[in-house]
Amino acid sequence: MTQLVVTQGPTQELHALVEAVLRAPALAGCEPLAAALWLYVDDLARSHKVSQGIETPTGSYWHGIMHRREGDFGNSHYWFHRVGAHPAMAVMTNYNAHRFIDDVEAKHEDGPEELVERQRREWVALFEWCANNP
């Protein structure tokens, strides 16, 4: 996840790796983790398809991140309004999803490492929450 706004999707190798991982019995049917993994390797279309079928705050959270990463910042705000206060947000210091969207919109073309790192921390926090709350 080095791109704030994705301009290039995953390699065939990464795509095959995620498909193999998702076939593991431990992940079978865990849609939030599937949305997360596709998002992590920059396959926004697959992440979107999965996340839009998860009608919970967690699904909205993955959906909002996906739209932010595709550069659809208004739609990202919409989905984060649907998220509300997700428990995964509580583990991140000074996290404000809407401010983060605005920061990415304003600065993504420069690829600031601070925002890329914040994006990674956000992903890890939500991924860990999903893994621990199936």
Foldseek 3Di string as FASTA:
>chain_A
DLAQADPDAADPVLVVVLVVVCVDPLNPPLLLLNLLSRVVRRVLVRSCVSLVPDPALSSLQSNLSSCLNNVVLVVSVVSNVVNPDDPLQVVDPPDDSNVLSVVCNVCRVVSDPVSVVVSVSSSVSSNVVSSVPD
